[in-house]
Amino acid sequence: MAVAQSPVYDEVLEFLLSTPTPEQIANFRPSEGTQERIRLLLELNRNNKLTAEQQAELDEFSQVEHFVRLLKARAHQKLLKS
């Protein structure tokens, strides 16, 4: 399996390597640049104007978002127990 090198993966990996607390994980938000890129891709998708490369990028964002949601859910569970 290849190691992901996309900006969205890099952003999340760098955040995780900073050893965040459960509270920091629960409050994690992608950078404004990443959020803007996602908004653009979603708009292109709504208008059926995505290229194959952009579709792959949007799919990657979805995968990372799913992982981050799971991570946040686990962090919230941990915070409730403490």
PDB file of N, CA and C in Angstrom:
ATOM      1  N   MET A   1       0.842  -1.181   0.000  1.00  0.00           N
ATOM      2  CA  MET A   1       0.000   0.000   0.000  1.00  0.00           C
ATOM      3  C   MET A   1       0.887   1.244   0.000  1.00  0.00           C
ATOM      4  N   ALA A   2       0.575   2.174  -0.869  1.00  0.00           N
ATOM      5  CA  ALA A   2       1.356   3.405  -0.979  1.00  0.00           C
ATOM      6  C   ALA A   2       1.033   4.334   0.186  1.00  0.00           C
ATOM      7  N   VAL A   3       2.020   5.126   0.573  1.00  0.00           N
ATOM      8  CA  VAL A   3       1.824   6.104   1.634  1.00  0.00           C
ATOM      9  C   VAL A   3       1.193   7.348   1.018  1.00  0.00           C
ATOM     10  N   ALA A   4       0.111   7.813   1.617  1.00  0.00           N
ATOM     11  CA  ALA A   4      -0.580   8.995   1.106  1.00  0.00           C
ATOM     12  C   ALA A   4       0.295  10.230   1.280  1.00  0.00           C
ATOM     13  N   GLN A   5       0.363  11.060   0.255  1.00  0.00           N
ATOM     14  CA  GLN A   5       1.177  12.265   0.312  1.00  0.00           C
ATOM     15  C   GLN A   5       0.379  13.515  -0.027  1.00  0.00           C
ATOM     16  N   SER A   6      -0.923  13.415  -0.006  1.00  0.00           N
ATOM     17  CA  SER A   6      -1.738  14.574  -0.365  1.00  0.00           C
ATOM     18  C   SER A   6      -1.736  15.608   0.749  1.00  0.00           C
ATOM     19  N   PRO A   7      -2.041  16.854   0.420  1.00  0.00           N
ATOM     20  CA  PRO A   7      -2.083  17.908   1.443  1.00  0.00           C
ATOM     21  C   PRO A   7      -3.049  17.617   2.586  1.00  0.00           C
ATOM     22  N   VAL A   8      -4.205  17.040   2.294  1.00  0.00           N
ATOM     23  CA  VAL A   8      -5.168  16.775   3.364  1.00  0.00           C
ATOM     24  C   VAL A   8      -4.635  15.710   4.317  1.00  0.00           C
ATOM     25  N   TYR A   9      -4.021  14.672   3.786  1.00  0.00           N
ATOM     26  CA  TYR A   9      -3.418  13.665   4.658  1.00  0.00           C
ATOM     27  C   TYR A   9      -2.276  14.282   5.457  1.00  0.00           C
ATOM     28  N   ASP A  10      -1.447  15.075   4.789  1.00  0.00           N
ATOM     29  CA  ASP A  10      -0.329  15.715   5.487  1.00  0.00           C
ATOM     30  C   ASP A  10      -0.815  16.588   6.636  1.00  0.00           C
ATOM     31  N   GLU A  11      -1.899  17.321   6.394  1.00  0.00           N
ATOM     32  CA  GLU A  11      -2.440  18.210   7.432  1.00  0.00           C
ATOM     33  C   GLU A  11      -2.883  17.410   8.659  1.00  0.00           C
ATOM     34  N   VAL A  12      -3.597  16.330   8.433  1.00  0.00           N
ATOM     35  CA  VAL A  12      -4.079  15.502   9.544  1.00  0.00           C
ATOM     36  C   VAL A  12      -2.915  14.793  10.225  1.00  0.00           C
ATOM     37  N   LEU A  13      -1.989  14.272   9.440  1.00  0.00           N
ATOM     38  CA  LEU A  13      -0.833  13.583  10.028  1.00  0.00           C
ATOM     39  C   LEU A  13      -0.004  14.531  10.892  1.00  0.00           C
ATOM     40  N   GLU A  14       0.234  15.739  10.408  1.00  0.00           N
ATOM     41  CA  GLU A  14       0.994  16.711  11.198  1.00  0.00           C
ATOM     42  C   GLU A  14       0.267  17.037  12.503  1.00  0.00           C
ATOM     43  N   PHE A  15      -1.035  17.170  12.429  1.00  0.00           N
ATOM     44  CA  PHE A  15      -1.822  17.424  13.632  1.00  0.00           C
ATOM     45  C   PHE A  15      -1.667  16.267  14.623  1.00  0.00           C
ATOM     46  N   LEU A  16      -1.793  15.039  14.142  1.00  0.00           N
ATOM     47  CA  LEU A  16      -1.681  13.874  15.023  1.00  0.00           C
ATOM     48  C   LEU A  16      -0.277  13.723  15.590  1.00  0.00           C
ATOM     49  N   LEU A  17       0.724  14.079  14.812  1.00  0.00           N
ATOM     50  CA  LEU A  17       2.104  13.995  15.298  1.00  0.00           C
ATOM     51  C   LEU A  17       2.409  15.042  16.374  1.00  0.00           C
ATOM     52  N   SER A  18       1.542  16.037  16.499  1.00  0.00           N
ATOM     53  CA  SER A  18       1.739  17.053  17.541  1.00  0.00           C
ATOM     54  C   SER A  18       1.248  16.547  18.899  1.00  0.00           C
ATOM     55  N   THR A  19       0.841  15.272  18.949  1.00  0.00           N
ATOM     56  CA  THR A  19       0.308  14.622  20.149  1.00  0.00           C
ATOM     57  C   THR A  19      -0.791  15.460  20.819  1.00  0.00           C
ATOM     58  N   PRO A  20      -1.879  15.686  20.083  1.00  0.00           N
ATOM     59  CA  PRO A  20      -2.961  16.504  20.630  1.00  0.00           C
ATOM     60  C   PRO A  20      -3.674  15.804  21.776  1.00  0.00           C
ATOM     61  N   THR A  21      -4.258  16.608  22.632  1.00  0.00           N
ATOM     62  CA  THR A  21      -5.088  16.084  23.717  1.00  0.00           C
ATOM     63  C   THR A  21      -6.438  15.668  23.135  1.00  0.00           C
ATOM     64  N   PRO A  22      -7.222  14.879  23.866  1.00  0.00           N
ATOM     65  CA  PRO A  22      -8.574  14.557  23.384  1.00  0.00           C
ATOM     66  C   PRO A  22      -9.399  15.816  23.093  1.00  0.00           C
ATOM     67  N   GLU A  23      -9.246  16.843  23.897  1.00  0.00           N
ATOM     68  CA  GLU A  23      -9.980  18.092  23.666  1.00  0.00           C
ATOM     69  C   GLU A  23      -9.543  18.748  22.352  1.00  0.00           C
ATOM     70  N   GLN A  24      -8.248  18.761  22.077  1.00  0.00           N
ATOM     71  CA  GLN A  24      -7.759  19.333  20.824  1.00  0.00           C
ATOM     72  C   GLN A  24      -8.254  18.521  19.625  1.00  0.00           C
ATOM     73  N   ILE A  25      -8.322  17.206  19.781  1.00  0.00           N
ATOM     74  CA  ILE A  25      -8.842  16.365  18.701  1.00  0.00           C
ATOM     75  C   ILE A  25     -10.310  16.681  18.465  1.00  0.00           C
ATOM     76  N   ALA A  26     -11.073  16.787  19.538  1.00  0.00           N
ATOM     77  CA  ALA A  26     -12.503  17.079  19.423  1.00  0.00           C
ATOM     78  C   ALA A  26     -12.739  18.421  18.732  1.00  0.00           C
ATOM     79  N   ASN A  27     -11.817  19.350  18.894  1.00  0.00           N
ATOM     80  CA  ASN A  27     -11.966  20.693  18.326  1.00  0.00           C
ATOM     81  C   ASN A  27     -11.227  20.880  17.000  1.00  0.00           C
ATOM     82  N   PHE A  28     -10.609  19.842  16.482  1.00  0.00           N
ATOM     83  CA  PHE A  28      -9.823  19.952  15.244  1.00  0.00           C
ATOM     84  C   PHE A  28     -10.690  20.415  14.070  1.00  0.00           C
ATOM     85  N   ARG A  29     -10.147  21.340  13.318  1.00  0.00           N
ATOM     86  CA  ARG A  29     -10.773  21.817  12.079  1.00  0.00           C
ATOM     87  C   ARG A  29      -9.689  21.890  11.019  1.00  0.00           C
ATOM     88  N   PRO A  30     -10.028  21.541   9.792  1.00  0.00           N
ATOM     89  CA  PRO A  30      -9.026  21.687   8.727  1.00  0.00           C
ATOM     90  C   PRO A  30      -8.695  23.165   8.520  1.00  0.00           C
ATOM     91  N   SER A  31      -7.562  23.409   7.922  1.00  0.00           N
ATOM     92  CA  SER A  31      -7.148  24.789   7.668  1.00  0.00           C
ATOM     93  C   SER A  31      -8.154  25.472   6.746  1.00  0.00           C
ATOM     94  N   GLU A  32      -8.129  26.778   6.762  1.00  0.00           N
ATOM     95  CA  GLU A  32      -9.036  27.548   5.892  1.00  0.00           C
ATOM     96  C   GLU A  32      -8.787  27.203   4.421  1.00  0.00           C
ATOM     97  N   GLY A  33      -7.536  27.019   4.048  1.00  0.00           N
ATOM     98  CA  GLY A  33      -7.218  26.653   2.669  1.00  0.00           C
ATOM     99  C   GLY A  33      -7.842  25.323   2.272  1.00  0.00           C
ATOM    100  N   THR A  34      -7.773  24.357   3.171  1.00  0.00           N
ATOM    101  CA  THR A  34      -8.377  23.045   2.910  1.00  0.00           C
ATOM    102  C   THR A  34      -9.889  23.157   2.841  1.00  0.00           C
ATOM    103  N   GLN A  35     -10.477  23.919   3.740  1.00  0.00           N
ATOM    104  CA  GLN A  35     -11.927  24.105   3.722  1.00  0.00           C
ATOM    105  C   GLN A  35     -12.379  24.768   2.421  1.00  0.00           C
ATOM    106  N   GLU A  36     -11.626  25.739   1.967  1.00  0.00           N
ATOM    107  CA  GLU A  36     -11.963  26.420   0.717  1.00  0.00           C
ATOM    108  C   GLU A  36     -11.871  25.456  -0.472  1.00  0.00           C
ATOM    109  N   ARG A  37     -10.844  24.619  -0.468  1.00  0.00           N
ATOM    110  CA  ARG A  37     -10.688  23.640  -1.552  1.00  0.00           C
ATOM    111  C   ARG A  37     -11.860  22.658  -1.560  1.00  0.00           C
ATOM    112  N   ILE A  38     -12.269  22.213  -0.401  1.00  0.00           N
ATOM    113  CA  ILE A  38     -13.406  21.293  -0.303  1.00  0.00           C
ATOM    114  C   ILE A  38     -14.671  21.974  -0.826  1.00  0.00           C
ATOM    115  N   ARG A  39     -14.878  23.231  -0.436  1.00  0.00           N
ATOM    116  CA  ARG A  39     -16.058  23.970  -0.919  1.00  0.00           C
ATOM    117  C   ARG A  39     -16.057  24.051  -2.447  1.00  0.00           C
ATOM    118  N   LEU A  40     -14.893  24.327  -3.026  1.00  0.00           N
ATOM    119  CA  LEU A  40     -14.783  24.414  -4.481  1.00  0.00           C
ATOM    120  C   LEU A  40     -15.115  23.077  -5.140  1.00  0.00           C
ATOM    121  N   LEU A  41     -14.529  22.009  -4.623  1.00  0.00           N
ATOM    122  CA  LEU A  41     -14.780  20.686  -5.199  1.00  0.00           C
ATOM    123  C   LEU A  41     -16.243  20.288  -5.066  1.00  0.00           C
ATOM    124  N   LEU A  42     -16.854  20.602  -3.937  1.00  0.00           N
ATOM    125  CA  LEU A  42     -18.268  20.285  -3.751  1.00  0.00           C
ATOM    126  C   LEU A  42     -19.145  21.075  -4.728  1.00  0.00           C
ATOM    127  N   GLU A  43     -18.790  22.327  -4.953  1.00  0.00           N
ATOM    128  CA  GLU A  43     -19.531  23.144  -5.915  1.00  0.00           C
ATOM    129  C   GLU A  43     -19.391  22.579  -7.334  1.00  0.00           C
ATOM    130  N   LEU A  44     -18.177  22.227  -7.705  1.00  0.00           N
ATOM    131  CA  LEU A  44     -17.962  21.615  -9.026  1.00  0.00           C
ATOM    132  C   LEU A  44     -18.744  20.312  -9.148  1.00  0.00           C
ATOM    133  N   ASN A  45     -18.775  19.542  -8.070  1.00  0.00           N
ATOM    134  CA  ASN A  45     -19.495  18.279  -8.074  1.00  0.00           C
ATOM    135  C   ASN A  45     -21.002  18.517  -8.256  1.00  0.00           C
ATOM    136  N   ARG A  46     -21.538  19.507  -7.558  1.00  0.00           N
ATOM    137  CA  ARG A  46     -22.971  19.828  -7.691  1.00  0.00           C
ATOM    138  C   ARG A  46     -23.318  20.194  -9.131  1.00  0.00           C
ATOM    139  N   ASN A  47     -22.378  20.812  -9.825  1.00  0.00           N
ATOM    140  CA  ASN A  47     -22.605  21.247 -11.204  1.00  0.00           C
ATOM    141  C   ASN A  47     -22.103  20.237 -12.239  1.00  0.00           C
ATOM    142  N   ASN A  48     -21.737  19.048 -11.758  1.00  0.00           N
ATOM    143  CA  ASN A  48     -21.236  17.980 -12.642  1.00  0.00           C
ATOM    144  C   ASN A  48     -20.060  18.436 -13.508  1.00  0.00           C
ATOM    145  N   LYS A  49     -19.125  19.172 -12.900  1.00  0.00           N
ATOM    146  CA  LYS A  49     -17.981  19.704 -13.634  1.00  0.00           C
ATOM    147  C   LYS A  49     -16.637  19.213 -13.095  1.00  0.00           C
ATOM    148  N   LEU A  50     -16.643  18.159 -12.296  1.00  0.00           N
ATOM    149  CA  LEU A  50     -15.385  17.632 -11.754  1.00  0.00           C
ATOM    150  C   LEU A  50     -14.616  16.866 -12.816  1.00  0.00           C
ATOM    151  N   THR A  51     -13.315  17.074 -12.843  1.00  0.00           N
ATOM    152  CA  THR A  51     -12.455  16.224 -13.660  1.00  0.00           C
ATOM    153  C   THR A  51     -12.231  14.930 -12.887  1.00  0.00           C
ATOM    154  N   ALA A  52     -11.654  13.939 -13.538  1.00  0.00           N
ATOM    155  CA  ALA A  52     -11.364  12.675 -12.856  1.00  0.00           C
ATOM    156  C   ALA A  52     -10.400  12.911 -11.688  1.00  0.00           C
ATOM    157  N   GLU A  53      -9.428  13.783 -11.887  1.00  0.00           N
ATOM    158  CA  GLU A  53      -8.461  14.094 -10.822  1.00  0.00           C
ATOM    159  C   GLU A  53      -9.144  14.780  -9.647  1.00  0.00           C
ATOM    160  N   GLN A  54     -10.047  15.705  -9.929  1.00  0.00           N
ATOM    161  CA  GLN A  54     -10.779  16.389  -8.868  1.00  0.00           C
ATOM    162  C   GLN A  54     -11.714  15.433  -8.136  1.00  0.00           C
ATOM    163  N   GLN A  55     -12.305  14.491  -8.865  1.00  0.00           N
ATOM    164  CA  GLN A  55     -13.166  13.490  -8.228  1.00  0.00           C
ATOM    165  C   GLN A  55     -12.354  12.640  -7.266  1.00  0.00           C
ATOM    166  N   ALA A  56     -11.150  12.250  -7.683  1.00  0.00           N
ATOM    167  CA  ALA A  56     -10.270  11.466  -6.812  1.00  0.00           C
ATOM    168  C   ALA A  56      -9.904  12.265  -5.566  1.00  0.00           C
ATOM    169  N   GLU A  57      -9.657  13.559  -5.739  1.00  0.00           N
ATOM    170  CA  GLU A  57      -9.328  14.424  -4.604  1.00  0.00           C
ATOM    171  C   GLU A  57     -10.522  14.542  -3.652  1.00  0.00           C
ATOM    172  N   LEU A  58     -11.709  14.699  -4.190  1.00  0.00           N
ATOM    173  CA  LEU A  58     -12.907  14.784  -3.357  1.00  0.00           C
ATOM    174  C   LEU A  58     -13.139  13.473  -2.615  1.00  0.00           C
ATOM    175  N   ASP A  59     -12.916  12.356  -3.288  1.00  0.00           N
ATOM    176  CA  ASP A  59     -13.038  11.049  -2.636  1.00  0.00           C
ATOM    177  C   ASP A  59     -12.045  10.925  -1.479  1.00  0.00           C
ATOM    178  N   GLU A  60     -10.840  11.427  -1.700  1.00  0.00           N
ATOM    179  CA  GLU A  60      -9.819  11.390  -0.654  1.00  0.00           C
ATOM    180  C   GLU A  60     -10.243  12.241   0.546  1.00  0.00           C
ATOM    181  N   PHE A  61     -10.781  13.419   0.281  1.00  0.00           N
ATOM    182  CA  PHE A  61     -11.285  14.258   1.366  1.00  0.00           C
ATOM    183  C   PHE A  61     -12.350  13.506   2.161  1.00  0.00           C
ATOM    184  N   SER A  62     -13.220  12.797   1.463  1.00  0.00           N
ATOM    185  CA  SER A  62     -14.276  12.030   2.138  1.00  0.00           C
ATOM    186  C   SER A  62     -13.691  10.959   3.045  1.00  0.00           C
ATOM    187  N   GLN A  63     -12.674  10.276   2.573  1.00  0.00           N
ATOM    188  CA  GLN A  63     -12.033   9.234   3.379  1.00  0.00           C
ATOM    189  C   GLN A  63     -11.392   9.826   4.624  1.00  0.00           C
ATOM    190  N   VAL A  64     -10.700  10.935   4.453  1.00  0.00           N
ATOM    191  CA  VAL A  64     -10.050  11.583   5.596  1.00  0.00           C
ATOM    192  C   VAL A  64     -11.099  12.112   6.566  1.00  0.00           C
ATOM    193  N   GLU A  65     -12.176  12.693   6.032  1.00  0.00           N
ATOM    194  CA  GLU A  65     -13.239  13.202   6.901  1.00  0.00           C
ATOM    195  C   GLU A  65     -13.841  12.072   7.739  1.00  0.00           C
ATOM    196  N   HIS A  66     -14.046  10.925   7.131  1.00  0.00           N
ATOM    197  CA  HIS A  66     -14.597   9.781   7.860  1.00  0.00           C
ATOM    198  C   HIS A  66     -13.653   9.387   9.011  1.00  0.00           C
ATOM    199  N   PHE A  67     -12.372   9.305   8.726  1.00  0.00           N
ATOM    200  CA  PHE A  67     -11.387   8.959   9.743  1.00  0.00           C
ATOM    201  C   PHE A  67     -11.399   9.992  10.879  1.00  0.00           C
ATOM    202  N   VAL A  68     -11.429  11.268  10.521  1.00  0.00           N
ATOM    203  CA  VAL A  68     -11.410  12.329  11.538  1.00  0.00           C
ATOM    204  C   VAL A  68     -12.686  12.289  12.376  1.00  0.00           C
ATOM    205  N   ARG A  69     -13.819  11.982  11.769  1.00  0.00           N
ATOM    206  CA  ARG A  69     -15.062  11.863  12.543  1.00  0.00           C
ATOM    207  C   ARG A  69     -14.963  10.729  13.565  1.00  0.00           C
ATOM    208  N   LEU A  70     -14.394   9.602  13.145  1.00  0.00           N
ATOM    209  CA  LEU A  70     -14.198   8.497  14.085  1.00  0.00           C
ATOM    210  C   LEU A  70     -13.257   8.905  15.213  1.00  0.00           C
ATOM    211  N   LEU A  71     -12.205   9.586  14.863  1.00  0.00           N
ATOM    212  CA  LEU A  71     -11.232  10.060  15.845  1.00  0.00           C
ATOM    213  C   LEU A  71     -11.890  11.022  16.839  1.00  0.00           C
ATOM    214  N   LYS A  72     -12.690  11.936  16.327  1.00  0.00           N
ATOM    215  CA  LYS A  72     -13.389  12.893  17.201  1.00  0.00           C
ATOM    216  C   LYS A  72     -14.391  12.184  18.109  1.00  0.00           C
ATOM    217  N   ALA A  73     -15.097  11.210  17.588  1.00  0.00           N
ATOM    218  CA  ALA A  73     -16.059  10.459  18.406  1.00  0.00           C
ATOM    219  C   ALA A  73     -15.342   9.768  19.555  1.00  0.00           C
ATOM    220  N   ARG A  74     -14.201   9.171  19.264  1.00  0.00           N
ATOM    221  CA  ARG A  74     -13.421   8.502  20.304  1.00  0.00           C
ATOM    222  C   ARG A  74     -12.903   9.519  21.320  1.00  0.00           C
ATOM    223  N   ALA A  75     -12.486  10.682  20.847  1.00  0.00           N
ATOM    224  CA  ALA A  75     -12.007  11.724  21.765  1.00  0.00           C
ATOM    225  C   ALA A  75     -13.139  12.198  22.673  1.00  0.00           C
ATOM    226  N   HIS A  76     -14.337  12.375  22.111  1.00  0.00           N
ATOM    227  CA  HIS A  76     -15.481  12.780  22.924  1.00  0.00           C
ATOM    228  C   HIS A  76     -15.797  11.733  23.995  1.00  0.00           C
ATOM    229  N   GLN A  77     -15.726  10.454  23.622  1.00  0.00           N
ATOM    230  CA  GLN A  77     -15.965   9.379  24.594  1.00  0.00           C
ATOM    231  C   GLN A  77     -14.964   9.485  25.742  1.00  0.00           C
ATOM    232  N   LYS A  78     -13.717   9.696  25.381  1.00  0.00           N
ATOM    233  CA  LYS A  78     -12.654   9.801  26.385  1.00  0.00           C
ATOM    234  C   LYS A  78     -12.897  11.002  27.307  1.00  0.00           C
ATOM    235  N   LEU A  79     -13.325  12.117  26.728  1.00  0.00           N
ATOM    236  CA  LEU A  79     -13.583  13.317  27.530  1.00  0.00           C
ATOM    237  C   LEU A  79     -14.751  13.093  28.488  1.00  0.00           C
ATOM    238  N   LEU A  80     -15.758  12.353  28.063  1.00  0.00           N
ATOM    239  CA  LEU A  80     -16.910  12.092  28.930  1.00  0.00           C
ATOM    240  C   LEU A  80     -16.536  11.211  30.118  1.00  0.00           C
ATOM    241  N   LYS A  81     -15.547  10.348  29.930  1.00  0.00           N
ATOM    242  CA  LYS A  81     -15.119   9.441  31.004  1.00  0.00           C
ATOM    243  C   LYS A  81     -14.214  10.139  32.014  1.00  0.00           C
ATOM    244  N   SER A  82     -13.635  11.262  31.619  1.00  0.00           N
ATOM    245  CA  SER A  82     -12.692  11.916  32.557  1.00  0.00           C
ATOM    246  C   SER A  82     -13.344  12.975  33.398  1.00  0.00           C
TER     247      SER A  82
END
